[in-house]
PDB file of N, CA and C in Angstrom:
ATOM      1  N   MET A   1       7.091   6.101 -18.924  1.00  0.00           N
ATOM      2  CA  MET A   1       6.628   6.964 -18.071  1.00  0.00           C
ATOM      3  C   MET A   1       6.640   5.942 -16.702  1.00  0.00           C
ATOM      4  N   PRO A   2       7.258   6.520 -15.373  1.00  0.00           N
ATOM      5  CA  PRO A   2       7.642   5.642 -14.338  1.00  0.00           C
ATOM      6  C   PRO A   2       6.287   5.180 -13.638  1.00  0.00           C
ATOM      7  N   LYS A   3       6.490   4.062 -13.221  1.00  0.00           N
ATOM      8  CA  LYS A   3       5.733   3.406 -12.565  1.00  0.00           C
ATOM      9  C   LYS A   3       5.239   4.316 -11.290  1.00  0.00           C
ATOM     10  N   GLY A   4       4.108   3.865 -10.319  1.00  0.00           N
ATOM     11  CA  GLY A   4       4.049   4.377  -8.858  1.00  0.00           C
ATOM     12  C   GLY A   4       3.897   3.146  -8.077  1.00  0.00           C
ATOM     13  N   TYR A   5       4.168   3.545  -6.910  1.00  0.00           N
ATOM     14  CA  TYR A   5       4.162   2.736  -5.442  1.00  0.00           C
ATOM     15  C   TYR A   5       3.236   3.291  -4.430  1.00  0.00           C
ATOM     16  N   TRP A   6       2.714   2.450  -3.835  1.00  0.00           N
ATOM     17  CA  TRP A   6       2.677   2.546  -2.400  1.00  0.00           C
ATOM     18  C   TRP A   6       3.528   1.929  -1.514  1.00  0.00           C
ATOM     19  N   ILE A   7       4.000   2.346  -0.459  1.00  0.00           N
ATOM     20  CA  ILE A   7       5.118   1.812   0.173  1.00  0.00           C
ATOM     21  C   ILE A   7       4.222   1.917   1.801  1.00  0.00           C
ATOM     22  N   VAL A   8       3.775   0.677   2.181  1.00  0.00           N
ATOM     23  CA  VAL A   8       2.736   0.846   3.351  1.00  0.00           C
ATOM     24  C   VAL A   8       3.324  -0.099   4.552  1.00  0.00           C
ATOM     25  N   ARG A   9       3.272   0.529   5.806  1.00  0.00           N
ATOM     26  CA  ARG A   9       3.549  -0.383   7.062  1.00  0.00           C
ATOM     27  C   ARG A   9       2.505  -0.149   7.765  1.00  0.00           C
ATOM     28  N   VAL A  10       2.042  -1.195   8.490  1.00  0.00           N
ATOM     29  CA  VAL A  10       1.022  -0.949   9.502  1.00  0.00           C
ATOM     30  C   VAL A  10       1.227  -1.853  10.551  1.00  0.00           C
ATOM     31  N   ASP A  11       0.365  -1.272  11.784  1.00  0.00           N
ATOM     32  CA  ASP A  11       0.209  -2.172  12.860  1.00  0.00           C
ATOM     33  C   ASP A  11      -1.133  -2.522  13.209  1.00  0.00           C
ATOM     34  N   ILE A  12      -1.408  -3.769  13.154  1.00  0.00           N
ATOM     35  CA  ILE A  12      -3.234  -3.893  13.102  1.00  0.00           C
ATOM     36  C   ILE A  12      -3.478  -4.236  14.732  1.00  0.00           C
ATOM     37  N   ALA A  13      -4.513  -3.793  15.122  1.00  0.00           N
ATOM     38  CA  ALA A  13      -5.113  -4.076  16.528  1.00  0.00           C
ATOM     39  C   ALA A  13      -6.081  -5.104  16.218  1.00  0.00           C
ATOM     40  N   ASP A  14      -6.852  -5.270  15.458  1.00  0.00           N
ATOM     41  CA  ASP A  14      -8.028  -6.232  15.418  1.00  0.00           C
ATOM     42  C   ASP A  14      -7.919  -7.126  13.902  1.00  0.00           C
ATOM     43  N   GLN A  15      -7.378  -8.357  13.816  1.00  0.00           N
ATOM     44  CA  GLN A  15      -7.102  -8.766  12.490  1.00  0.00           C
ATOM     45  C   GLN A  15      -8.421  -9.120  11.741  1.00  0.00           C
ATOM     46  N   GLU A  16      -9.382  -9.264  12.573  1.00  0.00           N
ATOM     47  CA  GLU A  16     -10.928  -9.901  11.866  1.00  0.00           C
ATOM     48  C   GLU A  16     -11.553  -8.372  11.190  1.00  0.00           C
ATOM     49  N   GLN A  17     -11.373  -7.575  11.755  1.00  0.00           N
ATOM     50  CA  GLN A  17     -11.872  -6.109  11.130  1.00  0.00           C
ATOM     51  C   GLN A  17     -11.018  -5.653   9.961  1.00  0.00           C
ATOM     52  N   TYR A  18      -9.692  -5.976  10.243  1.00  0.00           N
ATOM     53  CA  TYR A  18      -8.783  -5.722   9.160  1.00  0.00           C
ATOM     54  C   TYR A  18      -9.136  -6.379   7.832  1.00  0.00           C
ATOM     55  N   LYS A  19      -9.554  -7.648   7.858  1.00  0.00           N
ATOM     56  CA  LYS A  19      -9.701  -8.288   6.677  1.00  0.00           C
ATOM     57  C   LYS A  19     -11.067  -7.689   6.159  1.00  0.00           C
ATOM     58  N   LYS A  20     -12.018  -6.937   6.385  1.00  0.00           N
ATOM     59  CA  LYS A  20     -13.363  -6.291   5.853  1.00  0.00           C
ATOM     60  C   LYS A  20     -12.521  -4.972   5.158  1.00  0.00           C
ATOM     61  N   TYR A  21     -11.416  -4.440   5.565  1.00  0.00           N
ATOM     62  CA  TYR A  21     -10.854  -3.487   4.988  1.00  0.00           C
ATOM     63  C   TYR A  21     -10.220  -4.318   3.661  1.00  0.00           C
ATOM     64  N   VAL A  22      -9.370  -5.055   3.834  1.00  0.00           N
ATOM     65  CA  VAL A  22      -8.508  -5.874   2.502  1.00  0.00           C
ATOM     66  C   VAL A  22      -9.708  -6.339   1.579  1.00  0.00           C
ATOM     67  N   ALA A  23     -11.181  -6.886   1.816  1.00  0.00           N
ATOM     68  CA  ALA A  23     -11.839  -7.198   0.887  1.00  0.00           C
ATOM     69  C   ALA A  23     -12.397  -5.741   0.308  1.00  0.00           C
ATOM     70  N   ALA A  24     -12.500  -4.992   1.043  1.00  0.00           N
ATOM     71  CA  ALA A  24     -12.836  -3.325   0.166  1.00  0.00           C
ATOM     72  C   ALA A  24     -12.137  -3.004  -0.444  1.00  0.00           C
ATOM     73  N   ASN A  25     -10.435  -2.946  -0.135  1.00  0.00           N
ATOM     74  CA  ASN A  25      -9.387  -2.577  -1.171  1.00  0.00           C
ATOM     75  C   ASN A  25      -9.396  -2.998  -2.519  1.00  0.00           C
ATOM     76  N   ALA A  26      -9.775  -4.452  -2.516  1.00  0.00           N
ATOM     77  CA  ALA A  26      -9.677  -5.337  -3.776  1.00  0.00           C
ATOM     78  C   ALA A  26     -10.361  -4.266  -4.917  1.00  0.00           C
ATOM     79  N   GLU A  27     -11.437  -3.797  -4.794  1.00  0.00           N
ATOM     80  CA  GLU A  27     -11.810  -3.254  -5.977  1.00  0.00           C
ATOM     81  C   GLU A  27     -11.208  -1.929  -6.539  1.00  0.00           C
ATOM     82  N   PRO A  28     -11.013  -1.256  -5.655  1.00  0.00           N
ATOM     83  CA  PRO A  28      -9.919   0.136  -6.396  1.00  0.00           C
ATOM     84  C   PRO A  28      -8.659  -0.444  -6.918  1.00  0.00           C
ATOM     85  N   LEU A  29      -8.096  -1.636  -5.654  1.00  0.00           N
ATOM     86  CA  LEU A  29      -6.874  -1.830  -6.436  1.00  0.00           C
ATOM     87  C   LEU A  29      -6.638  -2.651  -7.950  1.00  0.00           C
ATOM     88  N   LYS A  30      -7.646  -3.287  -8.289  1.00  0.00           N
ATOM     89  CA  LYS A  30      -7.971  -4.022  -9.637  1.00  0.00           C
ATOM     90  C   LYS A  30      -8.135  -3.006 -10.153  1.00  0.00           C
ATOM     91  N   LYS A  31      -9.066  -1.891 -10.035  1.00  0.00           N
ATOM     92  CA  LYS A  31      -9.421  -0.741 -11.104  1.00  0.00           C
ATOM     93  C   LYS A  31      -8.198  -0.149 -11.625  1.00  0.00           C
ATOM     94  N   TYR A  32      -7.400   0.065 -10.806  1.00  0.00           N
ATOM     95  CA  TYR A  32      -6.379   1.285 -10.921  1.00  0.00           C
ATOM     96  C   TYR A  32      -4.793   0.473 -11.320  1.00  0.00           C
ATOM     97  N   GLY A  33      -5.308  -0.982 -11.408  1.00  0.00           N
ATOM     98  CA  GLY A  33      -3.999  -1.673 -12.127  1.00  0.00           C
ATOM     99  C   GLY A  33      -3.011  -1.943 -11.362  1.00  0.00           C
ATOM    100  N   ALA A  34      -3.169  -2.369  -9.833  1.00  0.00           N
ATOM    101  CA  ALA A  34      -1.910  -2.635  -8.734  1.00  0.00           C
ATOM    102  C   ALA A  34      -1.778  -3.897  -8.692  1.00  0.00           C
ATOM    103  N   ARG A  35      -0.432  -4.239  -8.402  1.00  0.00           N
ATOM    104  CA  ARG A  35       0.151  -5.435  -8.214  1.00  0.00           C
ATOM    105  C   ARG A  35       1.022  -5.334  -7.098  1.00  0.00           C
ATOM    106  N   PHE A  36       0.724  -6.255  -5.938  1.00  0.00           N
ATOM    107  CA  PHE A  36       1.566  -6.623  -4.845  1.00  0.00           C
ATOM    108  C   PHE A  36       2.878  -7.148  -5.316  1.00  0.00           C
ATOM    109  N   VAL A  37       4.031  -6.139  -4.636  1.00  0.00           N
ATOM    110  CA  VAL A  37       5.359  -6.701  -4.849  1.00  0.00           C
ATOM    111  C   VAL A  37       5.677  -7.586  -3.749  1.00  0.00           C
ATOM    112  N   VAL A  38       5.489  -6.705  -2.621  1.00  0.00           N
ATOM    113  CA  VAL A  38       5.831  -7.161  -1.333  1.00  0.00           C
ATOM    114  C   VAL A  38       4.298  -7.031  -0.815  1.00  0.00           C
ATOM    115  N   ARG A  39       4.056  -8.346   0.105  1.00  0.00           N
ATOM    116  CA  ARG A  39       2.643  -8.496   1.190  1.00  0.00           C
ATOM    117  C   ARG A  39       2.961  -9.093   2.392  1.00  0.00           C
ATOM    118  N   ALA A  40       3.264  -8.352   3.371  1.00  0.00           N
ATOM    119  CA  ALA A  40       3.339  -9.175   4.779  1.00  0.00           C
ATOM    120  C   ALA A  40       4.598 -10.545   4.536  1.00  0.00           C
ATOM    121  N   GLY A  41       5.116 -10.318   3.973  1.00  0.00           N
ATOM    122  CA  GLY A  41       6.349 -11.366   3.952  1.00  0.00           C
ATOM    123  C   GLY A  41       7.141 -11.222   5.240  1.00  0.00           C
ATOM    124  N   LYS A  42       7.982 -12.281   5.521  1.00  0.00           N
ATOM    125  CA  LYS A  42       8.932 -12.047   6.463  1.00  0.00           C
ATOM    126  C   LYS A  42       9.938 -10.935   6.329  1.00  0.00           C
ATOM    127  N   PHE A  43      10.525 -10.413   7.539  1.00  0.00           N
ATOM    128  CA  PHE A  43      11.378  -9.367   7.291  1.00  0.00           C
ATOM    129  C   PHE A  43      12.332  -8.918   8.522  1.00  0.00           C
ATOM    130  N   GLU A  44      13.370  -8.186   8.586  1.00  0.00           N
ATOM    131  CA  GLU A  44      14.135  -8.047   9.740  1.00  0.00           C
ATOM    132  C   GLU A  44      14.449  -6.487   9.540  1.00  0.00           C
ATOM    133  N   ASN A  45      13.948  -5.851  10.786  1.00  0.00           N
ATOM    134  CA  ASN A  45      14.219  -4.480  10.602  1.00  0.00           C
ATOM    135  C   ASN A  45      15.724  -4.162  11.221  1.00  0.00           C
ATOM    136  N   VAL A  46      16.522  -3.782  10.190  1.00  0.00           N
ATOM    137  CA  VAL A  46      18.007  -3.623  10.211  1.00  0.00           C
ATOM    138  C   VAL A  46      18.325  -2.302  10.875  1.00  0.00           C
ATOM    139  N   GLU A  47      17.574  -1.462  10.520  1.00  0.00           N
ATOM    140  CA  GLU A  47      17.528  -0.046  10.835  1.00  0.00           C
ATOM    141  C   GLU A  47      16.560   0.884  10.920  1.00  0.00           C
ATOM    142  N   GLY A  48      16.487   1.814  12.021  1.00  0.00           N
ATOM    143  CA  GLY A  48      15.385   2.389  11.950  1.00  0.00           C
ATOM    144  C   GLY A  48      13.986   1.773  12.459  1.00  0.00           C
ATOM    145  N   GLY A  49      12.885   2.449  12.545  1.00  0.00           N
ATOM    146  CA  GLY A  49      11.833   1.921  13.128  1.00  0.00           C
ATOM    147  C   GLY A  49      10.811   0.769  12.131  1.00  0.00           C
ATOM    148  N   SER A  50       9.999   0.365  12.490  1.00  0.00           N
ATOM    149  CA  SER A  50       9.253  -0.679  11.854  1.00  0.00           C
ATOM    150  C   SER A  50       7.927  -0.621  12.165  1.00  0.00           C
ATOM    151  N   ARG A  51       6.956  -1.538  11.547  1.00  0.00           N
ATOM    152  CA  ARG A  51       5.638  -1.810  11.943  1.00  0.00           C
ATOM    153  C   ARG A  51       5.614  -3.327  11.648  1.00  0.00           C
ATOM    154  N   THR A  52       4.560  -4.076  11.964  1.00  0.00           N
ATOM    155  CA  THR A  52       4.440  -5.346  12.338  1.00  0.00           C
ATOM    156  C   THR A  52       4.125  -6.070  10.393  1.00  0.00           C
ATOM    157  N   ARG A  53       3.356  -5.219   9.837  1.00  0.00           N
ATOM    158  CA  ARG A  53       2.958  -5.783   8.408  1.00  0.00           C
ATOM    159  C   ARG A  53       3.610  -4.506   7.356  1.00  0.00           C
ATOM    160  N   ASN A  54       4.248  -5.137   6.349  1.00  0.00           N
ATOM    161  CA  ASN A  54       4.635  -4.157   5.400  1.00  0.00           C
ATOM    162  C   ASN A  54       3.880  -4.696   4.028  1.00  0.00           C
ATOM    163  N   ALA A  55       3.962  -3.590   3.120  1.00  0.00           N
ATOM    164  CA  ALA A  55       3.741  -3.968   1.955  1.00  0.00           C
ATOM    165  C   ALA A  55       4.011  -2.872   0.608  1.00  0.00           C
ATOM    166  N   VAL A  56       4.381  -3.417  -0.460  1.00  0.00           N
ATOM    167  CA  VAL A  56       4.873  -2.562  -1.747  1.00  0.00           C
ATOM    168  C   VAL A  56       3.936  -3.026  -2.714  1.00  0.00           C
ATOM    169  N   ILE A  57       3.124  -1.845  -3.209  1.00  0.00           N
ATOM    170  CA  ILE A  57       2.114  -1.948  -4.103  1.00  0.00           C
ATOM    171  C   ILE A  57       2.397  -1.334  -5.365  1.00  0.00           C
ATOM    172  N   GLU A  58       2.667  -1.876  -6.645  1.00  0.00           N
ATOM    173  CA  GLU A  58       3.163  -1.124  -7.921  1.00  0.00           C
ATOM    174  C   GLU A  58       1.847  -0.825  -8.664  1.00  0.00           C
ATOM    175  N   PHE A  59       1.846   0.068  -9.368  1.00  0.00           N
ATOM    176  CA  PHE A  59       0.926   0.727 -10.378  1.00  0.00           C
ATOM    177  C   PHE A  59       1.326   0.814 -11.538  1.00  0.00           C
ATOM    178  N   PRO A  60       0.728   1.084 -12.525  1.00  0.00           N
ATOM    179  CA  PRO A  60       1.313   1.462 -13.920  1.00  0.00           C
ATOM    180  C   PRO A  60       1.913   2.879 -14.104  1.00  0.00           C
ATOM    181  N   THR A  61       1.363   3.708 -13.222  1.00  0.00           N
ATOM    182  CA  THR A  61       2.134   5.096 -13.244  1.00  0.00           C
ATOM    183  C   THR A  61       1.885   5.791 -11.997  1.00  0.00           C
ATOM    184  N   TYR A  62       2.602   6.655 -11.512  1.00  0.00           N
ATOM    185  CA  TYR A  62       2.463   7.245 -10.242  1.00  0.00           C
ATOM    186  C   TYR A  62       1.010   7.900 -10.199  1.00  0.00           C
ATOM    187  N   GLN A  63       0.621   8.401 -11.494  1.00  0.00           N
ATOM    188  CA  GLN A  63      -0.937   9.426 -11.279  1.00  0.00           C
ATOM    189  C   GLN A  63      -1.745   8.128 -11.158  1.00  0.00           C
ATOM    190  N   ALA A  64      -1.709   6.848 -11.468  1.00  0.00           N
ATOM    191  CA  ALA A  64      -2.756   5.790 -11.168  1.00  0.00           C
ATOM    192  C   ALA A  64      -2.356   5.561  -9.553  1.00  0.00           C
ATOM    193  N   ALA A  65      -1.421   5.644  -9.014  1.00  0.00           N
ATOM    194  CA  ALA A  65      -1.190   5.144  -7.645  1.00  0.00           C
ATOM    195  C   ALA A  65      -1.948   6.294  -6.682  1.00  0.00           C
ATOM    196  N   LEU A  66      -1.674   7.607  -7.137  1.00  0.00           N
ATOM    197  CA  LEU A  66      -2.501   8.788  -6.357  1.00  0.00           C
ATOM    198  C   LEU A  66      -3.876   8.589  -6.946  1.00  0.00           C
ATOM    199  N   ASP A  67      -4.317   8.244  -7.933  1.00  0.00           N
ATOM    200  CA  ASP A  67      -5.791   8.408  -8.238  1.00  0.00           C
ATOM    201  C   ASP A  67      -6.349   7.095  -7.723  1.00  0.00           C
ATOM    202  N   CYS A  68      -5.901   6.039  -7.333  1.00  0.00           N
ATOM    203  CA  CYS A  68      -6.386   5.012  -6.367  1.00  0.00           C
ATOM    204  C   CYS A  68      -6.541   5.354  -4.999  1.00  0.00           C
ATOM    205  N   TRP A  69      -5.539   6.076  -4.397  1.00  0.00           N
ATOM    206  CA  TRP A  69      -5.879   6.541  -3.084  1.00  0.00           C
ATOM    207  C   TRP A  69      -6.777   7.442  -2.803  1.00  0.00           C
ATOM    208  N   LYS A  70      -7.031   8.107  -3.983  1.00  0.00           N
ATOM    209  CA  LYS A  70      -7.955   9.349  -3.729  1.00  0.00           C
ATOM    210  C   LYS A  70      -9.343   8.845  -4.062  1.00  0.00           C
ATOM    211  N   SER A  71      -9.452   7.900  -4.817  1.00  0.00           N
ATOM    212  CA  SER A  71     -10.823   7.049  -5.486  1.00  0.00           C
ATOM    213  C   SER A  71     -11.784   6.870  -4.215  1.00  0.00           C
ATOM    214  N   PRO A  72     -13.236   7.292  -4.445  1.00  0.00           N
ATOM    215  CA  PRO A  72     -13.994   7.232  -3.520  1.00  0.00           C
ATOM    216  C   PRO A  72     -14.190   5.551  -3.155  1.00  0.00           C
ATOM    217  N   GLU A  73     -13.992   4.928  -3.824  1.00  0.00           N
ATOM    218  CA  GLU A  73     -13.708   2.997  -3.473  1.00  0.00           C
ATOM    219  C   GLU A  73     -12.582   3.109  -2.249  1.00  0.00           C
ATOM    220  N   TYR A  74     -11.422   3.584  -2.532  1.00  0.00           N
ATOM    221  CA  TYR A  74     -10.727   3.540  -1.636  1.00  0.00           C
ATOM    222  C   TYR A  74     -10.827   4.123  -0.327  1.00  0.00           C
ATOM    223  N   GLN A  75     -11.424   5.462  -0.448  1.00  0.00           N
ATOM    224  CA  GLN A  75     -11.582   6.145   0.773  1.00  0.00           C
ATOM    225  C   GLN A  75     -12.758   5.449   1.471  1.00  0.00           C
ATOM    226  N   ARG A  76     -13.767   4.565   0.997  1.00  0.00           N
ATOM    227  CA  ARG A  76     -14.730   4.146   1.749  1.00  0.00           C
ATOM    228  C   ARG A  76     -13.817   2.809   2.415  1.00  0.00           C
ATOM    229  N   ALA A  77     -12.960   2.415   1.723  1.00  0.00           N
ATOM    230  CA  ALA A  77     -12.336   0.950   2.625  1.00  0.00           C
ATOM    231  C   ALA A  77     -11.227   1.811   3.784  1.00  0.00           C
ATOM    232  N   ILE A  78     -10.614   3.025   3.272  1.00  0.00           N
ATOM    233  CA  ILE A  78      -9.994   3.398   4.533  1.00  0.00           C
ATOM    234  C   ILE A  78     -10.790   3.574   5.570  1.00  0.00           C
ATOM    235  N   ALA A  79     -12.047   4.089   5.905  1.00  0.00           N
ATOM    236  CA  ALA A  79     -12.826   4.354   6.789  1.00  0.00           C
ATOM    237  C   ALA A  79     -13.070   2.850   7.499  1.00  0.00           C
ATOM    238  N   LEU A  80     -13.062   1.694   6.830  1.00  0.00           N
ATOM    239  CA  LEU A  80     -12.898   0.384   7.569  1.00  0.00           C
ATOM    240  C   LEU A  80     -11.571  -0.060   8.446  1.00  0.00           C
ATOM    241  N   ARG A  81     -10.420   0.791   8.434  1.00  0.00           N
ATOM    242  CA  ARG A  81      -9.336   0.623   8.742  1.00  0.00           C
ATOM    243  C   ARG A  81      -9.223   1.801  10.001  1.00  0.00           C
ATOM    244  N   ASN A  82      -9.701   2.872   9.772  1.00  0.00           N
ATOM    245  CA  ASN A  82      -8.992   3.800  10.506  1.00  0.00           C
ATOM    246  C   ASN A  82      -9.066   3.573  12.194  1.00  0.00           C
ATOM    247  N   HIS A  83      -9.932   2.884  12.320  1.00  0.00           N
ATOM    248  CA  HIS A  83     -10.036   2.786  14.112  1.00  0.00           C
ATOM    249  C   HIS A  83      -9.539   1.246  14.545  1.00  0.00           C
ATOM    250  N   ILE A  84      -8.582   0.581  13.789  1.00  0.00           N
ATOM    251  CA  ILE A  84      -8.070  -0.657  14.112  1.00  0.00           C
ATOM    252  C   ILE A  84      -6.879  -0.890  13.671  1.00  0.00           C
ATOM    253  N   CYS A  85      -6.147   0.211  13.153  1.00  0.00           N
ATOM    254  CA  CYS A  85      -4.780  -0.021  12.755  1.00  0.00           C
ATOM    255  C   CYS A  85      -4.153   1.679  12.763  1.00  0.00           C
ATOM    256  N   THR A  86      -2.444   1.591  13.006  1.00  0.00           N
ATOM    257  CA  THR A  86      -1.734   2.383  12.584  1.00  0.00           C
ATOM    258  C   THR A  86      -1.082   1.988  11.276  1.00  0.00           C
ATOM    259  N   ILE A  87      -1.032   3.447  10.466  1.00  0.00           N
ATOM    260  CA  ILE A  87      -0.586   3.190   9.196  1.00  0.00           C
ATOM    261  C   ILE A  87       0.338   4.070   8.713  1.00  0.00           C
ATOM    262  N   ASP A  88       1.472   3.865   8.190  1.00  0.00           N
ATOM    263  CA  ASP A  88       2.269   4.785   7.342  1.00  0.00           C
ATOM    264  C   ASP A  88       2.101   4.304   5.667  1.00  0.00           C
ATOM    265  N   LEU A  89       1.487   5.384   5.212  1.00  0.00           N
ATOM    266  CA  LEU A  89       1.637   4.871   3.598  1.00  0.00           C
ATOM    267  C   LEU A  89       1.936   6.230   2.698  1.00  0.00           C
ATOM    268  N   ILE A  90       3.003   5.884   1.988  1.00  0.00           N
ATOM    269  CA  ILE A  90       3.381   6.835   1.198  1.00  0.00           C
ATOM    270  C   ILE A  90       3.170   6.428  -0.570  1.00  0.00           C
ATOM    271  N   VAL A  91       2.819   7.432  -1.363  1.00  0.00           N
ATOM    272  CA  VAL A  91       2.992   7.408  -2.835  1.00  0.00           C
ATOM    273  C   VAL A  91       4.035   7.980  -3.243  1.00  0.00           C
ATOM    274  N   ILE A  92       4.817   7.154  -4.170  1.00  0.00           N
ATOM    275  CA  ILE A  92       5.956   7.507  -4.717  1.00  0.00           C
ATOM    276  C   ILE A  92       6.272   7.234  -6.097  1.00  0.00           C
ATOM    277  N   GLU A  93       7.104   8.039  -6.890  1.00  0.00           N
ATOM    278  CA  GLU A  93       7.212   7.618  -8.446  1.00  0.00           C
ATOM    279  C   GLU A  93       8.437   6.628  -8.689  1.00  0.00           C
ATOM    280  N   GLY A  94       8.306   5.450  -9.408  1.00  0.00           N
ATOM    281  CA  GLY A  94       9.513   4.800  -9.390  1.00  0.00           C
ATOM    282  C   GLY A  94      10.690   5.063 -10.233  1.00  0.00           C
ATOM    283  N   TYR A  95      11.538   4.740 -10.120  1.00  0.00           N
ATOM    284  CA  TYR A  95      13.098   5.386 -10.769  1.00  0.00           C
ATOM    285  C   TYR A  95      13.573   4.551 -11.884  1.00  0.00           C
ATOM    286  N   GLU A  96      13.691   5.141 -13.067  1.00  0.00           N
ATOM    287  CA  GLU A  96      13.997   4.671 -14.417  1.00  0.00           C
ATOM    288  C   GLU A  96      15.286   4.708 -14.623  1.00  0.00           C
ATOM    289  N   GLY A  97      16.135   5.671 -13.737  1.00  0.00           N
ATOM    290  CA  GLY A  97      17.461   5.989 -14.231  1.00  0.00           C
ATOM    291  C   GLY A  97      18.602   4.990 -14.420  1.00  0.00           C
ATOM    292  N   PRO A  98      19.707   5.470 -14.154  1.00  0.00           N
ATOM    293  CA  PRO A  98      21.077   4.678 -14.347  1.00  0.00           C
ATOM    294  C   PRO A  98      21.069   3.519 -13.051  1.00  0.00           C
ATOM    295  N   GLN A  99      21.669   2.253 -13.127  1.00  0.00           N
ATOM    296  CA  GLN A  99      21.625   1.765 -11.960  1.00  0.00           C
ATOM    297  C   GLN A  99      23.371   1.442 -11.663  1.00  0.00           C
ATOM    298  N   PRO A 100      23.127   0.885 -10.403  1.00  0.00           N
ATOM    299  CA  PRO A 100      24.894   0.529 -10.031  1.00  0.00           C
ATOM    300  C   PRO A 100      25.138  -0.504 -10.926  1.00  0.00           C
ATOM    301  N   GLY A 101      26.642  -0.372 -11.284  1.00  0.00           N
ATOM    302  CA  GLY A 101      27.113  -1.511 -12.062  1.00  0.00           C
ATOM    303  C   GLY A 101      28.212  -0.993 -13.225  1.00  0.00           C
TER     304      GLY A 101
END
């Protein structure tokens, strides 16, 4: 079964308030088996648009990734960030097919 991922791009207007969201999202992320693959590291925007902070979060399954986002715990966390940031967040299924080579 393919893993699930959140691909997140965000612009944060208030870093102190955003810390409250980060603290609140820890519970649902842990509950659904999340693991950060990318978390606000150095990047170059070589094509297309960008935001100031990026993350890729891996879940054991696509369903776990969806369930986490829909969970009451995560929805409460969202309420803490809605007014202080602009975010693009997609939930996507991982790929387990043939690779180049």
